[in-house]
Amino acid sequence: MATTSSLKLWTVDDVADYLGVSVQTLYTWRKRRIGPPAGRVGRHLRYDPDAVRAWFEQQAAA
């Protein structure tokens, strides 16, 4: 069964709020290929909440 968080993709604002960073920081990380993975839906970036959490856990463990 899918969780509620995996059904709704996060926006850049959602991820910035979750990580406590600015939207500009997320764009900078994406440009440098060091942030959480994102995909495009049309011209909008969207994030899988589970992937963002996994990326965060990986960063915290390093």
Protein backbone atom coordinates (compact mmCIF):
# COMPACT_ATOMS: atom_id res chain seq x y z
CA MET A 1 0.00 0.00 0.00
CA ALA A 2 1.36 3.44 -0.93
CA THR A 3 1.83 6.03 1.78
CA THR A 4 0.18 9.42 1.55
CA SER A 5 3.55 11.15 1.18
CA SER A 6 4.48 9.02 -1.82
CA LEU A 7 1.25 9.95 -3.63
CA LYS A 8 1.91 13.71 -3.72
CA LEU A 9 5.08 15.14 -5.17
CA TRP A 10 6.69 18.07 -3.38
CA THR A 11 7.30 21.47 -4.91
CA VAL A 12 10.54 23.41 -4.54
CA ASP A 13 8.88 25.41 -1.75
CA ASP A 14 7.88 22.19 0.06
CA VAL A 15 11.44 20.84 -0.05
CA ALA A 16 12.95 24.17 0.99
CA ASP A 17 10.61 24.27 4.01
CA TYR A 18 11.36 20.65 4.92
CA LEU A 19 15.14 21.10 4.73
CA GLY A 20 15.14 24.62 6.20
CA VAL A 21 16.98 26.16 3.25
CA SER A 22 16.05 28.78 0.68
CA VAL A 23 14.58 27.96 -2.72
CA GLN A 24 17.67 29.54 -4.27
CA THR A 25 19.85 27.07 -2.35
CA LEU A 26 17.91 24.18 -3.87
CA TYR A 27 18.41 25.60 -7.36
CA THR A 28 22.12 26.05 -6.68
CA TRP A 29 22.41 22.48 -5.40
CA ARG A 30 20.58 21.19 -8.47
CA LYS A 31 22.92 23.11 -10.77
CA ARG A 32 25.92 21.63 -8.93
CA ARG A 33 24.25 18.17 -8.83
CA ILE A 34 24.60 17.87 -5.06
CA GLY A 35 21.02 18.20 -3.81
CA PRO A 36 18.09 15.81 -3.56
CA PRO A 37 16.94 14.30 -6.86
CA ALA A 38 14.19 16.16 -8.72
CA GLY A 39 12.27 15.65 -11.91
CA ARG A 40 10.45 17.93 -14.27
CA VAL A 41 6.71 17.93 -14.74
CA GLY A 42 6.34 20.23 -17.69
CA ARG A 43 8.48 23.19 -16.70
CA HIS A 44 8.10 22.65 -12.96
CA LEU A 45 10.49 20.80 -10.64
CA ARG A 46 8.93 18.15 -8.45
CA TYR A 47 10.47 16.01 -5.72
CA ASP A 48 9.53 12.56 -4.43
CA PRO A 49 9.20 13.04 -0.64
CA ASP A 50 10.68 9.60 0.06
CA ALA A 51 13.72 10.40 -2.12
CA VAL A 52 14.22 13.73 -0.34
CA ARG A 53 14.11 12.00 3.04
CA ALA A 54 16.54 9.32 1.84
CA TRP A 55 18.90 11.98 0.50
CA PHE A 56 18.75 13.82 3.82
CA GLU A 57 19.47 10.63 5.79
CA GLN A 58 22.44 9.93 3.53
CA GLN A 59 23.79 13.45 4.09
CA ALA A 60 23.32 13.19 7.84
CA ALA A 61 25.20 9.86 7.92
CA ALA A 62 28.20 11.22 5.99
